[in-house]
Amino acid sequence: MLDSEEAFAEFVQAAKNEGYQVPINERWQGMQNIRRASYEETRYKIEQYYRKLSL
């Protein structure tokens, strides 16, 4: 059993990193921003690429 909000957030992050879809209740604070790690890495790379183009 998960005993805290932090433990639940870690569980959701791990599940998403493994490719599972985890439905999140809109009323749960801070849970909407948990994204798959590969998504965040790709988003960062694209952001850096477009920053270089705009210079």
Protein backbone atom coordinates (compact mmCIF):
# COMPACT_ATOMS: atom_id res chain seq x y z
CA MET A 1 0.00 0.00 0.00
CA LEU A 2 1.24 3.49 -0.80
CA ASP A 3 1.44 5.65 2.29
CA SER A 4 1.99 9.14 0.90
CA GLU A 5 1.39 11.40 -2.06
CA GLU A 6 5.10 11.20 -2.93
CA ALA A 7 5.03 7.40 -2.97
CA PHE A 8 1.97 7.49 -5.24
CA ALA A 9 3.68 9.98 -7.59
CA GLU A 10 6.75 7.71 -7.78
CA PHE A 11 4.49 4.73 -8.53
CA VAL A 12 2.69 6.63 -11.31
CA GLN A 13 6.03 7.78 -12.78
CA ALA A 14 7.41 4.23 -12.78
CA ALA A 15 4.27 2.86 -14.40
CA LYS A 16 4.32 5.52 -17.12
CA ASN A 17 8.02 4.90 -17.78
CA GLU A 18 7.17 1.25 -18.40
CA GLY A 19 4.49 2.23 -20.93
CA TYR A 20 1.36 1.88 -18.83
CA GLN A 21 -1.44 4.40 -19.14
CA VAL A 22 -2.42 5.65 -15.71
CA PRO A 23 -5.71 7.54 -15.42
CA ILE A 24 -5.38 10.47 -13.05
CA ASN A 25 -8.25 12.19 -11.27
CA GLU A 26 -8.35 15.91 -12.18
CA ARG A 27 -8.75 16.84 -8.52
CA TRP A 28 -5.43 15.31 -7.46
CA GLN A 29 -2.97 18.17 -7.09
CA GLY A 30 0.33 17.85 -8.95
CA MET A 31 -0.41 14.51 -10.59
CA GLN A 32 -1.36 15.94 -14.00
CA ASN A 33 2.25 16.91 -14.71
CA ILE A 34 3.70 13.42 -14.42
CA ARG A 35 4.86 12.38 -17.87
CA ARG A 36 6.82 9.48 -19.25
CA ALA A 37 10.59 10.09 -18.94
CA SER A 38 11.16 9.46 -22.66
CA TYR A 39 8.56 12.13 -23.46
CA GLU A 40 10.38 14.69 -21.31
CA GLU A 41 13.74 13.83 -22.91
CA THR A 42 12.33 14.18 -26.43
CA ARG A 43 10.59 17.43 -25.56
CA TYR A 44 13.86 18.83 -24.21
CA LYS A 45 15.79 17.82 -27.35
CA ILE A 46 13.21 19.42 -29.63
CA GLU A 47 13.22 22.57 -27.51
CA GLN A 48 17.02 22.80 -27.73
CA TYR A 49 16.94 22.22 -31.50
CA TYR A 50 14.50 25.08 -32.09
CA ARG A 51 16.45 27.39 -29.77
CA LYS A 52 19.57 26.82 -31.91
CA LEU A 53 17.57 27.60 -35.06
CA SER A 54 16.30 30.88 -33.66
CA LEU A 55 19.79 32.23 -32.90
